[in-house]
PDB file of N, CA and C in Angstrom:
ATOM      1  N   MET A   1       0.482  -1.466   0.064  1.00  0.00           N
ATOM      2  CA  MET A   1       0.125   0.248  -0.038  1.00  0.00           C
ATOM      3  C   MET A   1       0.731   1.425  -0.374  1.00  0.00           C
ATOM      4  N   ASP A   2       2.035   1.359   0.622  1.00  0.00           N
ATOM      5  CA  ASP A   2       3.241   2.508   0.898  1.00  0.00           C
ATOM      6  C   ASP A   2       3.032   2.936  -0.206  1.00  0.00           C
ATOM      7  N   ILE A   3       3.803   1.182  -1.057  1.00  0.00           N
ATOM      8  CA  ILE A   3       4.928   1.748  -2.497  1.00  0.00           C
ATOM      9  C   ILE A   3       3.449   2.363  -3.258  1.00  0.00           C
ATOM     10  N   LEU A   4       2.160   1.974  -4.017  1.00  0.00           N
ATOM     11  CA  LEU A   4       1.842   2.807  -4.423  1.00  0.00           C
ATOM     12  C   LEU A   4       0.853   4.211  -4.268  1.00  0.00           C
ATOM     13  N   MET A   5       0.941   4.099  -3.031  1.00  0.00           N
ATOM     14  CA  MET A   5       0.527   5.199  -2.445  1.00  0.00           C
ATOM     15  C   MET A   5       2.332   6.420  -2.392  1.00  0.00           C
ATOM     16  N   ASN A   6       3.017   6.563  -2.733  1.00  0.00           N
ATOM     17  CA  ASN A   6       4.518   6.471  -2.607  1.00  0.00           C
ATOM     18  C   ASN A   6       4.728   7.265  -4.258  1.00  0.00           C
ATOM     19  N   LYS A   7       4.102   6.415  -5.097  1.00  0.00           N
ATOM     20  CA  LYS A   7       3.783   5.996  -6.377  1.00  0.00           C
ATOM     21  C   LYS A   7       3.424   6.809  -7.226  1.00  0.00           C
ATOM     22  N   GLN A   8       1.919   7.041  -6.265  1.00  0.00           N
ATOM     23  CA  GLN A   8       1.126   8.299  -6.856  1.00  0.00           C
ATOM     24  C   GLN A   8       1.712   9.478  -6.518  1.00  0.00           C
ATOM     25  N   THR A   9       2.150   9.659  -5.499  1.00  0.00           N
ATOM     26  CA  THR A   9       2.486  11.416  -4.542  1.00  0.00           C
ATOM     27  C   THR A   9       3.259  11.950  -5.628  1.00  0.00           C
ATOM     28  N   ASN A  10       4.211  11.567  -5.835  1.00  0.00           N
ATOM     29  CA  ASN A  10       5.720  11.084  -6.984  1.00  0.00           C
ATOM     30  C   ASN A  10       5.237  11.310  -8.422  1.00  0.00           C
ATOM     31  N   LYS A  11       4.357  11.037  -8.688  1.00  0.00           N
ATOM     32  CA  LYS A  11       3.744  10.911  -9.765  1.00  0.00           C
ATOM     33  C   LYS A  11       2.939  12.108  -9.793  1.00  0.00           C
ATOM     34  N   GLN A  12       1.887  12.814  -9.201  1.00  0.00           N
ATOM     35  CA  GLN A  12       1.533  14.120  -8.474  1.00  0.00           C
ATOM     36  C   GLN A  12       2.903  14.625  -8.296  1.00  0.00           C
ATOM     37  N   THR A  13       3.784  14.916  -8.033  1.00  0.00           N
ATOM     38  CA  THR A  13       4.695  15.747  -7.906  1.00  0.00           C
ATOM     39  C   THR A  13       5.368  16.333  -8.658  1.00  0.00           C
ATOM     40  N   ASN A  14       5.831  14.871  -8.729  1.00  0.00           N
ATOM     41  CA  ASN A  14       6.669  15.144 -10.857  1.00  0.00           C
ATOM     42  C   ASN A  14       5.249  16.322 -12.199  1.00  0.00           C
ATOM     43  N   LYS A  15       4.743  16.331 -12.011  1.00  0.00           N
ATOM     44  CA  LYS A  15       3.952  16.299 -12.562  1.00  0.00           C
ATOM     45  C   LYS A  15       3.219  17.700 -12.533  1.00  0.00           C
ATOM     46  N   GLN A  16       3.314  18.117 -11.526  1.00  0.00           N
ATOM     47  CA  GLN A  16       3.363  19.686 -10.952  1.00  0.00           C
ATOM     48  C   GLN A  16       4.510  20.279 -11.282  1.00  0.00           C
ATOM     49  N   THR A  17       6.398  20.095 -10.747  1.00  0.00           N
ATOM     50  CA  THR A  17       7.000  20.134 -11.182  1.00  0.00           C
ATOM     51  C   THR A  17       7.371  20.331 -12.321  1.00  0.00           C
ATOM     52  N   ASN A  18       7.322  19.510 -13.082  1.00  0.00           N
ATOM     53  CA  ASN A  18       7.298  19.725 -14.497  1.00  0.00           C
ATOM     54  C   ASN A  18       6.062  20.947 -15.163  1.00  0.00           C
ATOM     55  N   LYS A  19       4.899  20.897 -14.503  1.00  0.00           N
ATOM     56  CA  LYS A  19       4.122  21.774 -15.401  1.00  0.00           C
ATOM     57  C   LYS A  19       4.553  23.175 -14.538  1.00  0.00           C
ATOM     58  N   GLN A  20       5.163  23.619 -13.761  1.00  0.00           N
ATOM     59  CA  GLN A  20       5.785  24.619 -12.920  1.00  0.00           C
ATOM     60  C   GLN A  20       7.121  25.163 -13.862  1.00  0.00           C
ATOM     61  N   THR A  21       8.030  23.835 -13.810  1.00  0.00           N
ATOM     62  CA  THR A  21       9.286  24.494 -14.874  1.00  0.00           C
ATOM     63  C   THR A  21       9.180  24.933 -16.350  1.00  0.00           C
ATOM     64  N   ASN A  22       8.352  24.450 -16.999  1.00  0.00           N
ATOM     65  CA  ASN A  22       7.369  24.193 -18.143  1.00  0.00           C
ATOM     66  C   ASN A  22       6.663  25.687 -17.705  1.00  0.00           C
ATOM     67  N   LYS A  23       6.586  26.469 -17.950  1.00  0.00           N
ATOM     68  CA  LYS A  23       5.348  27.682 -17.144  1.00  0.00           C
ATOM     69  C   LYS A  23       6.996  28.119 -17.154  1.00  0.00           C
ATOM     70  N   GLN A  24       7.302  28.210 -16.147  1.00  0.00           N
ATOM     71  CA  GLN A  24       8.135  29.353 -15.976  1.00  0.00           C
ATOM     72  C   GLN A  24       9.671  29.601 -17.470  1.00  0.00           C
ATOM     73  N   THR A  25       9.737  27.661 -18.015  1.00  0.00           N
ATOM     74  CA  THR A  25      10.832  28.272 -18.740  1.00  0.00           C
ATOM     75  C   THR A  25       9.740  29.201 -20.588  1.00  0.00           C
ATOM     76  N   ASN A  26       8.274  28.318 -20.800  1.00  0.00           N
ATOM     77  CA  ASN A  26       8.340  28.862 -21.595  1.00  0.00           C
ATOM     78  C   ASN A  26       8.091  31.019 -21.348  1.00  0.00           C
ATOM     79  N   LYS A  27       7.437  31.493 -20.241  1.00  0.00           N
ATOM     80  CA  LYS A  27       7.708  32.630 -20.147  1.00  0.00           C
ATOM     81  C   LYS A  27       8.886  33.264 -20.166  1.00  0.00           C
ATOM     82  N   GLN A  28      10.226  32.638 -19.810  1.00  0.00           N
ATOM     83  CA  GLN A  28      11.595  33.453 -20.258  1.00  0.00           C
ATOM     84  C   GLN A  28      12.122  32.524 -22.135  1.00  0.00           C
ATOM     85  N   THR A  29      11.459  32.178 -22.906  1.00  0.00           N
ATOM     86  CA  THR A  29      11.088  32.012 -24.050  1.00  0.00           C
ATOM     87  C   THR A  29      10.347  33.034 -24.859  1.00  0.00           C
ATOM     88  N   ASN A  30       9.433  32.929 -24.320  1.00  0.00           N
ATOM     89  CA  ASN A  30       8.100  34.651 -24.674  1.00  0.00           C
ATOM     90  C   ASN A  30       9.210  35.654 -25.171  1.00  0.00           C
ATOM     91  N   LYS A  31       9.504  35.447 -23.496  1.00  0.00           N
ATOM     92  CA  LYS A  31      10.019  37.096 -23.256  1.00  0.00           C
ATOM     93  C   LYS A  31      10.918  37.708 -24.515  1.00  0.00           C
ATOM     94  N   GLN A  32      11.918  36.766 -24.348  1.00  0.00           N
ATOM     95  CA  GLN A  32      13.188  36.395 -25.115  1.00  0.00           C
ATOM     96  C   GLN A  32      12.850  36.885 -26.477  1.00  0.00           C
ATOM     97  N   THR A  33      11.915  36.255 -26.793  1.00  0.00           N
ATOM     98  CA  THR A  33      11.812  36.025 -28.391  1.00  0.00           C
ATOM     99  C   THR A  33      10.844  37.771 -28.412  1.00  0.00           C
ATOM    100  N   ASN A  34       9.913  38.024 -27.249  1.00  0.00           N
ATOM    101  CA  ASN A  34       9.104  39.209 -27.966  1.00  0.00           C
ATOM    102  C   ASN A  34      10.568  40.584 -27.752  1.00  0.00           C
ATOM    103  N   LYS A  35      10.857  40.159 -27.260  1.00  0.00           N
ATOM    104  CA  LYS A  35      12.380  41.286 -26.926  1.00  0.00           C
ATOM    105  C   LYS A  35      12.881  41.546 -28.019  1.00  0.00           C
ATOM    106  N   GLN A  36      13.414  40.037 -28.777  1.00  0.00           N
ATOM    107  CA  GLN A  36      14.227  39.996 -30.224  1.00  0.00           C
ATOM    108  C   GLN A  36      13.541  40.513 -31.563  1.00  0.00           C
ATOM    109  N   THR A  37      11.090  40.594 -31.509  1.00  0.00           N
ATOM    110  CA  THR A  37      10.934  40.058 -32.422  1.00  0.00           C
ATOM    111  C   THR A  37      10.822  41.824 -32.740  1.00  0.00           C
ATOM    112  N   ASN A  38      10.244  42.532 -31.206  1.00  0.00           N
ATOM    113  CA  ASN A  38      10.032  44.001 -31.160  1.00  0.00           C
ATOM    114  C   ASN A  38      11.593  45.047 -31.363  1.00  0.00           C
ATOM    115  N   LYS A  39      12.699  44.366 -30.882  1.00  0.00           N
ATOM    116  CA  LYS A  39      13.755  45.052 -31.644  1.00  0.00           C
ATOM    117  C   LYS A  39      14.311  45.287 -33.060  1.00  0.00           C
ATOM    118  N   GLN A  40      13.201  43.871 -33.871  1.00  0.00           N
ATOM    119  CA  GLN A  40      13.489  43.804 -35.139  1.00  0.00           C
ATOM    120  C   GLN A  40      12.549  45.099 -36.430  1.00  0.00           C
ATOM    121  N   THR A  41      11.365  44.636 -35.563  1.00  0.00           N
ATOM    122  CA  THR A  41      10.454  45.258 -36.304  1.00  0.00           C
ATOM    123  C   THR A  41      10.250  46.953 -35.849  1.00  0.00           C
ATOM    124  N   ASN A  42      11.218  47.154 -34.495  1.00  0.00           N
ATOM    125  CA  ASN A  42      11.754  48.351 -34.537  1.00  0.00           C
ATOM    126  C   ASN A  42      12.950  49.371 -35.232  1.00  0.00           C
ATOM    127  N   LYS A  43      13.406  48.232 -35.591  1.00  0.00           N
ATOM    128  CA  LYS A  43      14.630  48.543 -36.468  1.00  0.00           C
ATOM    129  C   LYS A  43      14.086  48.200 -38.027  1.00  0.00           C
ATOM    130  N   GLN A  44      12.917  48.121 -38.403  1.00  0.00           N
ATOM    131  CA  GLN A  44      12.471  48.565 -39.870  1.00  0.00           C
ATOM    132  C   GLN A  44      11.634  49.024 -39.782  1.00  0.00           C
ATOM    133  N   THR A  45      11.374  49.408 -38.799  1.00  0.00           N
ATOM    134  CA  THR A  45       9.971  50.841 -38.947  1.00  0.00           C
ATOM    135  C   THR A  45      10.301  52.096 -38.734  1.00  0.00           C
ATOM    136  N   LEU A  46      11.770  52.548 -38.685  1.00  0.00           N
ATOM    137  CA  LEU A  46      13.224  53.304 -37.639  1.00  0.00           C
ATOM    138  C   LEU A  46      13.423  53.685 -39.896  1.00  0.00           C
ATOM    139  N   TYR A  47      13.908  52.748 -40.417  1.00  0.00           N
ATOM    140  CA  TYR A  47      13.691  52.316 -41.868  1.00  0.00           C
ATOM    141  C   TYR A  47      13.186  53.065 -42.677  1.00  0.00           C
ATOM    142  N   ILE A  48      12.052  52.467 -42.371  1.00  0.00           N
ATOM    143  CA  ILE A  48      10.659  52.748 -43.000  1.00  0.00           C
ATOM    144  C   ILE A  48      10.386  54.397 -42.794  1.00  0.00           C
ATOM    145  N   LEU A  49      10.224  55.268 -41.663  1.00  0.00           N
ATOM    146  CA  LEU A  49      10.293  56.223 -41.440  1.00  0.00           C
ATOM    147  C   LEU A  49      11.313  57.061 -41.683  1.00  0.00           C
ATOM    148  N   LYS A  50      12.395  56.794 -42.184  1.00  0.00           N
ATOM    149  CA  LYS A  50      13.375  57.405 -42.403  1.00  0.00           C
ATOM    150  C   LYS A  50      13.966  57.836 -44.286  1.00  0.00           C
ATOM    151  N   PHE A  51      13.036  56.181 -44.680  1.00  0.00           N
ATOM    152  CA  PHE A  51      12.911  57.112 -46.258  1.00  0.00           C
ATOM    153  C   PHE A  51      11.689  58.078 -46.602  1.00  0.00           C
ATOM    154  N   TYR A  52      10.785  57.543 -45.707  1.00  0.00           N
ATOM    155  CA  TYR A  52       9.684  59.015 -46.269  1.00  0.00           C
ATOM    156  C   TYR A  52      10.034  59.824 -45.566  1.00  0.00           C
ATOM    157  N   PHE A  53      10.967  59.971 -44.739  1.00  0.00           N
ATOM    158  CA  PHE A  53      10.863  61.213 -44.337  1.00  0.00           C
ATOM    159  C   PHE A  53      11.753  61.810 -45.558  1.00  0.00           C
ATOM    160  N   LEU A  54      12.698  61.294 -45.392  1.00  0.00           N
ATOM    161  CA  LEU A  54      13.787  61.734 -46.839  1.00  0.00           C
ATOM    162  C   LEU A  54      13.270  62.103 -48.506  1.00  0.00           C
ATOM    163  N   LYS A  55      12.600  61.172 -48.826  1.00  0.00           N
ATOM    164  CA  LYS A  55      11.601  61.264 -50.136  1.00  0.00           C
ATOM    165  C   LYS A  55      10.989  61.829 -49.618  1.00  0.00           C
ATOM    166  N   SER A  56       9.622  62.418 -49.204  1.00  0.00           N
ATOM    167  CA  SER A  56       9.301  63.976 -48.574  1.00  0.00           C
ATOM    168  C   SER A  56      10.148  65.390 -48.463  1.00  0.00           C
ATOM    169  N   VAL A  57      11.163  64.589 -48.039  1.00  0.00           N
ATOM    170  CA  VAL A  57      12.390  66.164 -48.403  1.00  0.00           C
ATOM    171  C   VAL A  57      12.887  66.790 -49.903  1.00  0.00           C
ATOM    172  N   TYR A  58      13.517  65.318 -50.536  1.00  0.00           N
ATOM    173  CA  TYR A  58      13.759  65.601 -51.264  1.00  0.00           C
ATOM    174  C   TYR A  58      13.211  66.031 -52.474  1.00  0.00           C
ATOM    175  N   ILE A  59      11.633  65.302 -52.341  1.00  0.00           N
ATOM    176  CA  ILE A  59      10.207  66.303 -52.965  1.00  0.00           C
ATOM    177  C   ILE A  59      10.155  67.457 -52.947  1.00  0.00           C
ATOM    178  N   CYS A  60       9.660  67.819 -52.210  1.00  0.00           N
ATOM    179  CA  CYS A  60       9.801  69.828 -51.616  1.00  0.00           C
ATOM    180  C   CYS A  60      11.167  70.013 -52.206  1.00  0.00           C
ATOM    181  N   CYS A  61      12.925  69.849 -52.017  1.00  0.00           N
ATOM    182  CA  CYS A  61      13.539  70.867 -52.047  1.00  0.00           C
ATOM    183  C   CYS A  61      14.736  69.797 -53.375  1.00  0.00           C
ATOM    184  N   LYS A  62      13.636  69.395 -54.098  1.00  0.00           N
ATOM    185  CA  LYS A  62      15.005  68.915 -55.740  1.00  0.00           C
ATOM    186  C   LYS A  62      14.495  69.302 -56.198  1.00  0.00           C
ATOM    187  N   LYS A  63      14.515  71.008 -56.246  1.00  0.00           N
ATOM    188  CA  LYS A  63      15.507  72.213 -57.417  1.00  0.00           C
ATOM    189  C   LYS A  63      16.764  71.862 -56.792  1.00  0.00           C
ATOM    190  N   TYR A  64      16.511  72.303 -55.600  1.00  0.00           N
ATOM    191  CA  TYR A  64      17.822  73.064 -54.834  1.00  0.00           C
ATOM    192  C   TYR A  64      18.410  71.538 -54.764  1.00  0.00           C
ATOM    193  N   PHE A  65      18.403  70.718 -54.884  1.00  0.00           N
ATOM    194  CA  PHE A  65      19.087  69.027 -54.828  1.00  0.00           C
ATOM    195  C   PHE A  65      19.959  69.111 -56.202  1.00  0.00           C
ATOM    196  N   ASN A  66      19.067  69.977 -57.556  1.00  0.00           N
ATOM    197  CA  ASN A  66      19.386  69.358 -58.602  1.00  0.00           C
ATOM    198  C   ASN A  66      20.662  70.280 -58.971  1.00  0.00           C
ATOM    199  N   LYS A  67      20.382  71.761 -58.132  1.00  0.00           N
ATOM    200  CA  LYS A  67      21.029  72.755 -58.501  1.00  0.00           C
ATOM    201  C   LYS A  67      22.458  72.377 -57.762  1.00  0.00           C
ATOM    202  N   PHE A  68      22.016  71.675 -56.250  1.00  0.00           N
ATOM    203  CA  PHE A  68      23.477  71.766 -56.090  1.00  0.00           C
ATOM    204  C   PHE A  68      23.823  70.050 -55.739  1.00  0.00           C
ATOM    205  N   LYS A  69      23.587  69.583 -56.850  1.00  0.00           N
ATOM    206  CA  LYS A  69      23.985  68.215 -57.239  1.00  0.00           C
ATOM    207  C   LYS A  69      23.936  67.222 -56.095  1.00  0.00           C
ATOM    208  N   TYR A  70      22.819  67.300 -55.120  1.00  0.00           N
ATOM    209  CA  TYR A  70      22.661  65.873 -54.284  1.00  0.00           C
ATOM    210  C   TYR A  70      21.411  65.064 -54.655  1.00  0.00           C
ATOM    211  N   ASN A  71      21.764  64.287 -54.069  1.00  0.00           N
ATOM    212  CA  ASN A  71      20.722  63.402 -54.540  1.00  0.00           C
ATOM    213  C   ASN A  71      20.581  62.238 -53.404  1.00  0.00           C
ATOM    214  N   ILE A  72      19.338  61.728 -53.448  1.00  0.00           N
ATOM    215  CA  ILE A  72      18.839  60.888 -51.952  1.00  0.00           C
ATOM    216  C   ILE A  72      19.424  59.306 -51.415  1.00  0.00           C
ATOM    217  N   CYS A  73      20.681  59.875 -52.492  1.00  0.00           N
ATOM    218  CA  CYS A  73      22.107  58.917 -51.721  1.00  0.00           C
ATOM    219  C   CYS A  73      22.565  59.582 -50.419  1.00  0.00           C
ATOM    220  N   ILE A  74      23.023  60.909 -50.973  1.00  0.00           N
ATOM    221  CA  ILE A  74      24.197  61.862 -50.204  1.00  0.00           C
ATOM    222  C   ILE A  74      22.858  62.050 -48.805  1.00  0.00           C
ATOM    223  N   LEU A  75      21.676  62.160 -49.129  1.00  0.00           N
ATOM    224  CA  LEU A  75      20.620  62.688 -47.877  1.00  0.00           C
ATOM    225  C   LEU A  75      20.886  61.414 -46.944  1.00  0.00           C
ATOM    226  N   TRP A  76      20.545  59.801 -47.933  1.00  0.00           N
ATOM    227  CA  TRP A  76      20.149  58.942 -47.047  1.00  0.00           C
ATOM    228  C   TRP A  76      21.841  58.832 -46.384  1.00  0.00           C
ATOM    229  N   SER A  77      22.981  58.807 -46.795  1.00  0.00           N
ATOM    230  CA  SER A  77      23.524  58.100 -46.247  1.00  0.00           C
ATOM    231  C   SER A  77      24.117  59.529 -44.471  1.00  0.00           C
ATOM    232  N   SER A  78      23.916  60.652 -45.533  1.00  0.00           N
ATOM    233  CA  SER A  78      24.109  61.342 -43.935  1.00  0.00           C
ATOM    234  C   SER A  78      23.082  61.878 -42.633  1.00  0.00           C
ATOM    235  N   LEU A  79      22.061  60.720 -43.200  1.00  0.00           N
ATOM    236  CA  LEU A  79      21.298  60.596 -41.665  1.00  0.00           C
ATOM    237  C   LEU A  79      22.068  59.163 -40.678  1.00  0.00           C
TER     238      LEU A  79
END
């Protein structure tokens, strides 16, 4: 009887421990994944904003850039 109870207790304890460990591992993994994803998304968003900003500046001031032989590549590299 004692062996059966110990077996059942161990099974329950292991189940609970595994559940807790998995929960913690998943939490940490998700945190790391989200951090990396956000970093990449922010970087891409920054490039998009930079592009549209430069495009609007270039379109707005095109005649001046042409006069001084500037182009969008020079603008891009200056930021």
